[in-house]
Amino acid sequence: MELARPSRKTNGVGVQVEDAQICVVMVGLPARGKSLIAQKAQRYLKWLSIDAQVFNVGNYRRTDNPHPPADFFDAGNAEGERSRRAAAEAAVTDMLGWFKNGGIIAILDATNSTKARRRWIKERCDKEGVETLFVESKCDDEELIMSNILEVKTSSPDYVGHDPEKAAQDFRNRIRNYEKVYETIDKDENDLTYLKIMNVGKQVIINAIQDYLQSRVVYYLMNLHIKQRSIWLSRHGESEWNVYGKIGGDADLSPRGEAYALKLPELVKQSFGPGEDHPLTVWTSTLRRTIATARHLPQEYNQLQWKALDELDSGVCDNMTYAEIKELYPEDFEARDQDKYNYRYRGGESYRDVVIRLEPIIMELERSENILIVTHQAILRCIYAYFMKEDQEKSPWLNVPLHTLIKLTPRAYGTDKQVFKAGVEAVSTWRGKGSVAKHEDPVEGVTTSLDV
């Protein structure tokens, strides 16, 4: 039995989590993608087992002022200024308390639009031995700004229940109030550690990065863009090994799997929103069943094969059924049920190993726009967990049905999910704890939000 466990001082991916605590301070005018960047950074870090938390100053402000008008954000509005300052104080105080309880990276999500406010945050963090990394998102691309305004008017908690057009106009006025006092990070603040991202990554400026953990965060943020896009996820069609309850291997599609491959182009087209009829880039693994599933997609869809998308390596258990594994390796079978995320097959991989090899895939996904991924159950569990912020311990038990297309659309305040069923029958390959059944339906309370 081989059970991969992270050491006390590391998170399993080589990061010495006791060496540093970092406050990532967002900077920028409204509609520049700060909240989207903050949410992405948190989910990336937590996906890598690094304890991370977003402290959104707007959420603190909404306690007393849930739907303030634009003039609330005018610097000349004394009551608005007092309320916003109190919200910032509360957020920073809670954040520093979180650090004292062992937190590693906090993301302070606010405009932090003046040099005075940024200096105050740095001084508060310095006193507690917390490093600061300022991340400024600047953009003068009017088309992108308008796109972000449209996003905010439909998803921001500030405008719940508001007329969309009135919300958009009010938000424009809010931006104008911030523009009156906004100060970009410049040479006067060269003592700060900062990253400036301009016009969705067209230009990036880095200053005074101090250590490995900061550089890890910066590298991820440099690969982000804030353009609206979607990611489509699909398992391969039902394989011959699925029918027999075997895991791993490089089997061909079953007849029903072939039927799904023929249906997939129609399913993708069905998933497009208004005005969204455009070619996708298709990523598959190098295994036959994923390549065969994608082969009927339109020719204008560029297709790439990634070794990193190959199924979790089950080592000596490859091509076996769960009943056979339990009989030949009973201790391993039980150990995997007890800690499925960290358990490593003899001569194979764990889910934690898969996350590590998928990191370049995640980086490329964040750099790209519209991608359709056709791959395997364990791989999709890890990718889905990244976008939907699923708990690591639960992610290996997610139910990812065959013959189903999942469309994920990242937003500033979460990720939208749509599910499209092909209507082609397939076995269920989901297995509950302790089960050796070839096919088993999910048990209520065991699986999570991916169930369809």
Protein backbone atom coordinates (compact mmCIF):
# COMPACT_ATOMS: atom_id res chain seq x y z
CA MET A 1 0.00 0.00 0.00
CA GLU A 2 1.30 3.46 -0.94
CA LEU A 3 -0.47 6.40 0.58
CA ALA A 4 0.86 9.82 -0.41
CA ARG A 5 0.46 12.28 2.43
CA PRO A 6 1.61 15.90 2.56
CA SER A 7 4.11 16.69 5.29
CA ARG A 8 3.32 18.94 8.22
CA LYS A 9 5.09 21.90 6.67
CA THR A 10 4.00 21.58 3.06
CA ASN A 11 0.74 21.43 1.21
CA GLY A 12 1.77 18.59 -1.08
CA VAL A 13 2.88 20.77 -3.98
CA GLY A 14 6.18 21.94 -2.52
CA VAL A 15 5.01 25.24 -1.03
CA GLN A 16 6.39 25.90 2.45
CA VAL A 17 3.20 27.32 3.85
CA GLU A 18 4.75 28.34 7.17
CA ASP A 19 7.35 30.57 5.53
CA ALA A 20 5.12 33.50 4.51
CA GLN A 21 1.73 35.11 4.87
CA ILE A 22 0.65 37.41 2.05
CA CYS A 23 -2.09 39.99 1.63
CA VAL A 24 -2.88 40.41 -2.07
CA VAL A 25 -4.33 43.93 -2.30
CA MET A 26 -6.52 44.55 -5.34
CA VAL A 27 -6.30 48.05 -6.88
CA GLY A 28 -8.35 49.56 -9.68
CA LEU A 29 -11.45 51.40 -10.80
CA PRO A 30 -14.78 49.56 -10.88
CA ALA A 31 -15.45 47.37 -13.97
CA ARG A 32 -11.77 46.44 -14.33
CA GLY A 33 -12.20 42.81 -13.33
CA LYS A 34 -10.83 43.03 -9.77
CA SER A 35 -13.45 40.76 -8.20
CA LEU A 36 -13.08 38.23 -11.01
CA ILE A 37 -9.29 38.22 -10.52
CA ALA A 38 -9.73 37.88 -6.75
CA GLN A 39 -12.12 34.93 -7.06
CA LYS A 40 -9.87 33.21 -9.61
CA ALA A 41 -6.80 33.66 -7.42
CA GLN A 42 -8.55 32.20 -4.39
CA ARG A 43 -9.83 29.13 -6.19
CA TYR A 44 -6.42 28.50 -7.80
CA LEU A 45 -4.65 28.67 -4.44
CA LYS A 46 -7.18 26.49 -2.65
CA TRP A 47 -7.03 24.01 -5.53
CA LEU A 48 -3.29 23.76 -4.79
CA SER A 49 -4.05 23.21 -1.06
CA ILE A 50 -2.88 26.72 -0.09
CA ASP A 51 -5.22 28.27 2.48
CA ALA A 52 -6.66 31.40 0.82
CA GLN A 53 -9.57 33.70 1.56
CA VAL A 54 -11.14 36.71 -0.17
CA PHE A 55 -12.11 39.69 2.00
CA ASN A 56 -14.45 41.80 -0.13
CA VAL A 57 -14.86 45.27 1.34
CA GLY A 58 -18.13 45.72 -0.59
CA ASN A 59 -19.65 42.81 1.35
CA TYR A 60 -18.84 44.60 4.62
CA ARG A 61 -20.27 47.86 3.32
CA ARG A 62 -23.47 46.12 2.18
CA THR A 63 -24.27 45.20 5.79
CA ASP A 64 -25.37 48.81 6.40
CA ASN A 65 -25.77 50.03 2.81
CA PRO A 66 -26.94 47.15 0.61
CA HIS A 67 -28.02 49.17 -2.43
CA PRO A 68 -26.38 52.61 -2.32
CA PRO A 69 -26.81 55.11 -5.18
CA ALA A 70 -23.82 56.39 -7.13
CA ASP A 71 -23.45 59.60 -5.08
CA PHE A 72 -22.72 57.43 -2.01
CA PHE A 73 -19.30 56.90 -3.61
CA ASP A 74 -18.59 60.59 -4.17
CA ALA A 75 -15.54 61.68 -2.15
CA GLY A 76 -17.53 64.75 -1.10
CA ASN A 77 -20.21 62.62 0.54
CA ALA A 78 -19.06 62.62 4.18
CA GLU A 79 -21.48 59.93 5.34
CA GLY A 80 -20.59 57.68 2.41
CA GLU A 81 -16.88 58.20 3.04
CA ARG A 82 -17.32 57.31 6.73
CA SER A 83 -19.27 54.17 5.91
CA ARG A 84 -16.78 53.01 3.31
CA ARG A 85 -13.86 53.63 5.64
CA ALA A 86 -15.58 51.64 8.39
CA ALA A 87 -16.12 48.75 5.95
CA ALA A 88 -12.42 48.79 5.01
CA GLU A 89 -11.42 48.84 8.70
CA ALA A 90 -13.68 45.87 9.44
CA ALA A 91 -12.42 43.87 6.47
CA VAL A 92 -8.74 44.46 7.31
CA THR A 93 -9.30 43.68 11.00
CA ASP A 94 -11.04 40.40 10.15
CA MET A 95 -8.32 39.58 7.64
CA LEU A 96 -5.53 40.09 10.17
CA GLY A 97 -7.43 37.92 12.66
CA TRP A 98 -7.66 35.23 9.99
CA PHE A 99 -3.89 35.40 9.50
CA LYS A 100 -3.36 34.92 13.25
CA ASN A 101 -5.37 31.69 12.97
CA GLY A 102 -2.98 30.34 10.37
CA GLY A 103 -4.24 31.75 7.06
CA ILE A 104 -1.65 31.91 4.27
CA ILE A 105 -2.89 34.22 1.48
CA ALA A 106 -5.69 36.78 1.84
CA ILE A 107 -7.07 38.76 -1.09
CA LEU A 108 -8.38 42.19 -0.12
CA ASP A 109 -10.93 42.99 -2.82
CA ALA A 110 -11.67 46.71 -3.08
CA THR A 111 -10.78 49.71 -5.26
CA ASN A 112 -8.01 50.87 -2.88
CA SER A 113 -7.85 53.79 -5.25
CA THR A 114 -5.64 56.26 -3.37
CA LYS A 115 -2.02 56.18 -2.29
CA ALA A 116 -3.10 57.01 1.26
CA ARG A 117 -5.39 53.97 1.44
CA ARG A 118 -2.70 51.67 0.07
CA ARG A 119 -0.12 53.03 2.54
CA TRP A 120 -2.55 52.46 5.43
CA ILE A 121 -3.08 48.83 4.38
CA LYS A 122 0.67 48.23 4.09
CA GLU A 123 1.35 49.69 7.52
CA ARG A 124 -1.37 47.57 9.13
CA CYS A 125 0.04 44.42 7.50
CA ASP A 126 3.67 45.31 8.28
CA LYS A 127 2.86 45.52 11.98
CA GLU A 128 1.56 41.94 11.89
CA GLY A 129 4.44 40.57 9.82
CA VAL A 130 2.20 40.04 6.78
CA GLU A 131 3.67 40.68 3.33
CA THR A 132 1.71 42.85 0.88
CA LEU A 133 1.41 42.30 -2.87
CA PHE A 134 -0.57 45.02 -4.68
CA VAL A 135 -2.30 43.96 -7.90
CA GLU A 136 -3.58 46.82 -10.06
CA SER A 137 -5.91 46.10 -12.97
CA LYS A 138 -5.93 49.00 -15.44
CA CYS A 139 -7.98 49.14 -18.61
CA ASP A 140 -8.90 51.81 -21.15
CA ASP A 141 -10.52 49.38 -23.60
CA GLU A 142 -14.05 50.81 -23.77
CA GLU A 143 -15.54 47.63 -25.25
CA LEU A 144 -14.20 45.55 -22.38
CA ILE A 145 -15.28 48.11 -19.77
CA MET A 146 -18.80 48.12 -21.19
CA SER A 147 -18.83 44.32 -21.16
CA ASN A 148 -17.87 44.38 -17.47
CA ILE A 149 -20.55 46.98 -16.72
CA LEU A 150 -23.15 44.70 -18.32
CA GLU A 151 -21.79 41.83 -16.21
CA VAL A 152 -22.06 43.87 -13.00
CA LYS A 153 -25.60 45.05 -13.64
CA THR A 154 -26.79 41.44 -13.89
CA SER A 155 -24.69 39.77 -11.17
CA SER A 156 -23.60 42.36 -8.56
CA PRO A 157 -25.32 42.12 -5.17
CA ASP A 158 -25.59 45.93 -5.26
CA TYR A 159 -28.17 45.75 -8.05
CA VAL A 160 -30.31 42.77 -7.13
CA GLY A 161 -33.90 43.55 -8.14
CA HIS A 162 -32.94 46.72 -10.02
CA ASP A 163 -33.92 47.58 -13.57
CA PRO A 164 -30.86 46.48 -15.63
CA GLU A 165 -30.57 49.70 -17.64
CA LYS A 166 -30.92 51.92 -14.58
CA ALA A 167 -28.37 49.75 -12.79
CA ALA A 168 -25.91 50.17 -15.66
CA GLN A 169 -26.33 53.95 -15.66
CA ASP A 170 -25.92 54.17 -11.90
CA PHE A 171 -22.78 52.06 -12.11
CA ARG A 172 -21.32 54.35 -14.79
CA ASN A 173 -21.92 57.28 -12.44
CA ARG A 174 -20.23 55.37 -9.62
CA ILE A 175 -17.17 54.88 -11.83
CA ARG A 176 -17.04 58.63 -12.56
CA ASN A 177 -16.98 59.37 -8.83
CA TYR A 178 -14.05 57.01 -8.34
CA GLU A 179 -12.22 58.52 -11.33
CA LYS A 180 -12.16 61.92 -9.55
CA VAL A 181 -9.82 60.62 -6.83
CA TYR A 182 -8.15 57.59 -8.43
CA GLU A 183 -4.35 57.42 -8.20
CA THR A 184 -2.53 54.73 -10.14
CA ILE A 185 0.50 53.02 -8.63
CA ASP A 186 3.54 54.96 -9.85
CA LYS A 187 7.20 55.66 -9.06
CA ASP A 188 6.24 57.28 -5.74
CA GLU A 189 5.30 53.79 -4.54
CA ASN A 190 8.35 51.90 -5.76
CA ASP A 191 8.87 50.54 -2.26
CA LEU A 192 5.69 48.47 -2.74
CA THR A 193 5.68 44.96 -4.14
CA TYR A 194 3.22 45.16 -7.01
CA LEU A 195 1.93 43.72 -10.26
CA LYS A 196 0.22 46.00 -12.79
CA ILE A 197 -1.93 44.30 -15.42
CA MET A 198 -2.90 46.64 -18.26
CA ASN A 199 -5.61 46.02 -20.85
CA VAL A 200 -6.18 42.38 -20.02
CA GLY A 201 -2.52 41.39 -19.90
CA LYS A 202 -1.30 43.24 -23.00
CA GLN A 203 1.30 44.81 -20.73
CA VAL A 204 2.45 43.66 -17.31
CA ILE A 205 4.74 45.49 -14.87
CA ILE A 206 6.26 43.65 -11.89
CA ASN A 207 8.05 45.38 -9.04
CA ALA A 208 10.06 44.00 -6.11
CA ILE A 209 8.69 40.45 -5.89
CA GLN A 210 10.20 39.03 -2.70
CA ASP A 211 9.83 35.26 -2.46
CA TYR A 212 8.69 32.03 -4.06
CA LEU A 213 5.07 32.18 -2.89
CA GLN A 214 4.66 35.74 -4.19
CA SER A 215 6.19 34.74 -7.52
CA ARG A 216 3.78 31.78 -7.72
CA VAL A 217 0.81 34.11 -7.29
CA VAL A 218 2.23 36.63 -9.79
CA TYR A 219 2.85 33.96 -12.42
CA TYR A 220 -0.77 32.81 -12.17
CA LEU A 221 -2.16 36.34 -12.35
CA MET A 222 -0.01 37.12 -15.39
CA ASN A 223 -1.81 34.34 -17.24
CA LEU A 224 -5.31 35.61 -16.52
CA HIS A 225 -7.60 37.51 -18.79
CA ILE A 226 -10.96 39.01 -17.85
CA LYS A 227 -12.75 38.62 -21.17
CA GLN A 228 -16.01 36.73 -21.01
CA ARG A 229 -15.70 33.15 -22.19
CA SER A 230 -16.91 29.61 -21.46
CA ILE A 231 -15.38 26.18 -20.98
CA TRP A 232 -17.19 23.05 -22.16
CA LEU A 233 -16.49 19.73 -20.41
CA SER A 234 -17.37 16.26 -21.60
CA ARG A 235 -16.25 12.76 -20.80
CA HIS A 236 -15.51 10.48 -23.72
CA GLY A 237 -18.38 8.36 -24.96
CA GLU A 238 -19.06 5.11 -23.17
CA SER A 239 -16.11 2.75 -23.70
CA GLU A 240 -15.97 -1.02 -23.90
CA TRP A 241 -14.18 -1.06 -20.53
CA ASN A 242 -16.98 1.08 -19.00
CA VAL A 243 -19.47 -1.61 -20.01
CA TYR A 244 -17.42 -4.30 -18.24
CA GLY A 245 -16.74 -2.15 -15.16
CA LYS A 246 -12.99 -2.00 -15.76
CA ILE A 247 -10.88 1.04 -14.94
CA GLY A 248 -8.08 2.65 -16.95
CA GLY A 249 -6.88 1.07 -20.17
CA ASP A 250 -7.09 2.43 -23.71
CA ALA A 251 -10.35 0.88 -24.84
CA ASP A 252 -12.42 1.77 -27.90
CA LEU A 253 -15.90 3.24 -27.72
CA SER A 254 -18.90 0.99 -27.26
CA PRO A 255 -21.76 1.29 -29.80
CA ARG A 256 -23.54 3.71 -27.43
CA GLY A 257 -20.29 5.66 -27.07
CA GLU A 258 -20.16 5.94 -30.87
CA ALA A 259 -23.73 7.26 -30.82
CA TYR A 260 -22.68 9.97 -28.32
CA ALA A 261 -19.74 10.96 -30.51
CA LEU A 262 -22.17 11.49 -33.39
CA LYS A 263 -24.51 13.51 -31.13
CA LEU A 264 -21.79 15.71 -29.58
CA PRO A 265 -21.64 18.35 -32.38
CA GLU A 266 -25.39 18.92 -32.07
CA LEU A 267 -25.11 19.10 -28.28
CA VAL A 268 -22.37 21.73 -28.49
CA LYS A 269 -24.44 23.81 -30.91
CA GLN A 270 -27.42 23.52 -28.57
CA SER A 271 -25.28 24.91 -25.74
CA PHE A 272 -24.42 28.14 -27.56
CA GLY A 273 -26.08 31.29 -26.32
CA PRO A 274 -27.46 34.06 -28.57
CA GLY A 275 -24.76 35.29 -30.97
CA GLU A 276 -22.32 32.66 -29.69
CA ASP A 277 -22.03 30.50 -32.82
CA HIS A 278 -18.26 30.38 -33.18
CA PRO A 279 -15.53 27.76 -33.52
CA LEU A 280 -14.14 26.23 -30.35
CA THR A 281 -10.71 24.86 -29.62
CA VAL A 282 -11.01 21.19 -28.65
CA TRP A 283 -8.64 19.52 -26.21
CA THR A 284 -8.57 15.75 -25.79
CA SER A 285 -6.29 13.29 -24.03
CA THR A 286 -3.99 11.05 -26.06
CA LEU A 287 -6.19 8.00 -25.45
CA ARG A 288 -8.33 6.50 -28.20
CA ARG A 289 -11.72 6.94 -26.55
CA THR A 290 -11.42 10.74 -26.24
CA ILE A 291 -10.02 11.23 -29.74
CA ALA A 292 -12.81 9.07 -31.18
CA THR A 293 -15.44 11.05 -29.25
CA ALA A 294 -14.23 14.35 -30.73
CA ARG A 295 -13.74 13.19 -34.31
CA HIS A 296 -17.17 14.27 -35.61
CA LEU A 297 -16.89 17.87 -34.41
CA PRO A 298 -16.75 20.52 -37.18
CA GLN A 299 -13.48 20.68 -39.10
CA GLU A 300 -13.02 24.36 -38.22
CA TYR A 301 -12.64 23.34 -34.57
CA ASN A 302 -8.91 23.13 -33.97
CA GLN A 303 -8.11 19.95 -32.01
CA LEU A 304 -5.14 19.43 -29.69
CA GLN A 305 -4.12 16.31 -27.77
CA TRP A 306 -2.67 16.72 -24.26
CA LYS A 307 -0.82 13.96 -22.42
CA ALA A 308 -1.65 15.86 -19.22
CA LEU A 309 -5.36 15.12 -19.86
CA ASP A 310 -4.86 11.33 -19.82
CA GLU A 311 -6.86 9.49 -17.17
CA LEU A 312 -5.52 9.01 -13.64
CA ASP A 313 -2.88 6.26 -13.78
CA SER A 314 -4.20 3.29 -11.79
CA GLY A 315 -0.83 1.49 -11.85
CA VAL A 316 -1.03 -2.23 -11.17
CA CYS A 317 -4.84 -1.95 -11.02
CA ASP A 318 -5.12 -0.82 -14.64
CA ASN A 319 -7.73 -2.80 -16.62
CA MET A 320 -9.16 -4.33 -13.43
CA THR A 321 -12.65 -4.18 -11.95
CA TYR A 322 -13.17 -2.85 -8.42
CA ALA A 323 -14.13 -6.36 -7.30
CA GLU A 324 -10.78 -7.63 -8.53
CA ILE A 325 -8.95 -4.78 -6.80
CA LYS A 326 -10.69 -5.51 -3.50
CA GLU A 327 -9.82 -9.20 -3.76
CA LEU A 328 -6.16 -8.75 -4.75
CA TYR A 329 -5.35 -5.55 -2.81
CA PRO A 330 -7.86 -5.33 0.07
CA GLU A 331 -5.76 -2.91 2.14
CA ASP A 332 -5.32 -0.59 -0.82
CA PHE A 333 -9.03 -0.74 -1.60
CA GLU A 334 -9.91 0.34 1.93
CA ALA A 335 -7.17 2.99 2.09
CA ARG A 336 -8.41 4.61 -1.11
CA ASP A 337 -11.96 4.78 0.24
CA GLN A 338 -10.71 6.44 3.41
CA ASP A 339 -8.58 9.11 1.68
CA LYS A 340 -9.33 9.04 -2.03
CA TYR A 341 -7.72 12.42 -2.74
CA ASN A 342 -4.30 11.45 -1.36
CA TYR A 343 -4.29 7.71 -2.05
CA ARG A 344 -1.79 6.74 -4.76
CA TYR A 345 -2.28 3.51 -6.69
CA ARG A 346 0.72 1.14 -6.59
CA GLY A 347 2.84 2.29 -9.51
CA GLY A 348 0.23 4.91 -10.37
CA GLU A 349 -1.19 8.26 -9.26
CA SER A 350 -3.37 9.96 -6.67
CA TYR A 351 -5.86 12.76 -7.28
CA ARG A 352 -3.31 15.10 -5.70
CA ASP A 353 -0.79 13.96 -8.34
CA VAL A 354 -3.34 14.69 -11.06
CA VAL A 355 -3.87 18.23 -9.77
CA ILE A 356 -0.12 18.86 -9.97
CA ARG A 357 0.12 17.65 -13.58
CA LEU A 358 -3.00 19.62 -14.51
CA GLU A 359 -1.57 22.95 -13.37
CA PRO A 360 -0.17 23.79 -16.86
CA ILE A 361 -3.60 22.93 -18.29
CA ILE A 362 -5.24 25.37 -15.88
CA MET A 363 -2.72 28.07 -16.81
CA GLU A 364 -3.45 27.56 -20.50
CA LEU A 365 -7.20 27.54 -19.84
CA GLU A 366 -6.90 30.90 -18.11
CA ARG A 367 -4.97 32.31 -21.08
CA SER A 368 -7.51 30.97 -23.59
CA GLU A 369 -11.06 31.96 -24.46
CA ASN A 370 -13.49 29.20 -25.50
CA ILE A 371 -12.32 25.61 -24.99
CA LEU A 372 -14.11 22.25 -25.24
CA ILE A 373 -12.34 19.55 -23.21
CA VAL A 374 -13.11 15.91 -23.97
CA THR A 375 -11.36 13.77 -21.38
CA HIS A 376 -11.80 11.33 -18.48
CA GLN A 377 -13.73 11.13 -15.22
CA ALA A 378 -10.92 11.82 -12.73
CA ILE A 379 -9.49 14.63 -14.88
CA LEU A 380 -12.87 16.33 -15.22
CA ARG A 381 -13.45 16.01 -11.48
CA CYS A 382 -10.26 17.98 -10.86
CA ILE A 383 -10.98 20.62 -13.52
CA TYR A 384 -14.58 21.00 -12.36
CA ALA A 385 -13.43 21.33 -8.75
CA TYR A 386 -11.12 24.17 -9.82
CA PHE A 387 -13.83 26.22 -11.54
CA MET A 388 -16.57 25.49 -9.00
CA LYS A 389 -14.39 25.76 -5.86
CA GLU A 390 -15.31 22.25 -4.73
CA ASP A 391 -13.72 20.86 -1.57
CA GLN A 392 -10.70 18.69 -2.37
CA GLU A 393 -11.81 15.84 -0.15
CA LYS A 394 -15.15 15.67 -1.95
CA SER A 395 -13.89 16.17 -5.50
CA PRO A 396 -12.86 12.50 -6.08
CA TRP A 397 -16.45 11.47 -5.33
CA LEU A 398 -18.11 13.85 -7.79
CA ASN A 399 -20.51 12.21 -10.20
CA VAL A 400 -19.50 13.05 -13.78
CA PRO A 401 -22.03 11.22 -15.96
CA LEU A 402 -21.25 9.84 -19.37
CA HIS A 403 -22.96 11.35 -22.42
CA THR A 404 -23.39 14.75 -20.77
CA LEU A 405 -21.98 18.15 -21.79
CA ILE A 406 -21.27 20.71 -19.05
CA LYS A 407 -20.81 24.38 -19.91
CA LEU A 408 -19.06 26.58 -17.34
CA THR A 409 -19.04 30.38 -17.64
CA PRO A 410 -16.84 32.21 -15.10
CA ARG A 411 -18.40 35.38 -13.66
CA ALA A 412 -17.18 38.03 -11.23
CA TYR A 413 -19.18 36.50 -8.39
CA GLY A 414 -18.98 32.80 -9.24
CA THR A 415 -19.24 30.37 -12.17
CA ASP A 416 -22.48 29.64 -14.03
CA LYS A 417 -23.13 26.01 -14.97
CA GLN A 418 -25.37 24.57 -17.65
CA VAL A 419 -25.87 20.86 -18.27
CA PHE A 420 -26.89 19.33 -21.60
CA LYS A 421 -27.81 15.64 -21.83
CA ALA A 422 -27.40 13.82 -25.11
CA GLY A 423 -30.27 11.41 -24.54
CA VAL A 424 -27.98 8.45 -25.31
CA GLU A 425 -28.04 5.75 -22.64
CA ALA A 426 -24.82 4.80 -20.86
CA VAL A 427 -23.73 2.89 -17.77
CA SER A 428 -23.12 4.78 -14.55
CA THR A 429 -19.46 4.51 -13.56
CA TRP A 430 -19.90 6.25 -10.22
CA ARG A 431 -18.86 4.08 -7.26
CA GLY A 432 -19.75 4.73 -3.63
CA LYS A 433 -17.44 4.06 -0.70
CA GLY A 434 -16.94 0.35 -0.12
CA SER A 435 -18.79 -0.64 -3.27
CA VAL A 436 -17.40 -3.12 -5.80
CA ALA A 437 -20.38 -2.92 -8.14
CA LYS A 438 -19.57 -2.40 -11.80
CA HIS A 439 -22.22 0.30 -12.06
CA GLU A 440 -23.93 2.13 -9.27
CA ASP A 441 -26.25 5.12 -9.02
CA PRO A 442 -25.13 8.01 -6.77
CA VAL A 443 -26.36 7.89 -3.19
CA GLU A 444 -28.09 10.99 -1.84
CA GLY A 445 -25.76 13.07 0.32
CA VAL A 446 -22.56 11.59 -1.11
CA THR A 447 -22.10 13.47 -4.35
CA THR A 448 -22.21 17.20 -4.87
CA SER A 449 -23.51 19.87 -7.23
CA LEU A 450 -22.25 18.17 -10.38
CA ASP A 451 -24.99 15.53 -10.14
CA VAL A 452 -27.41 15.75 -13.04
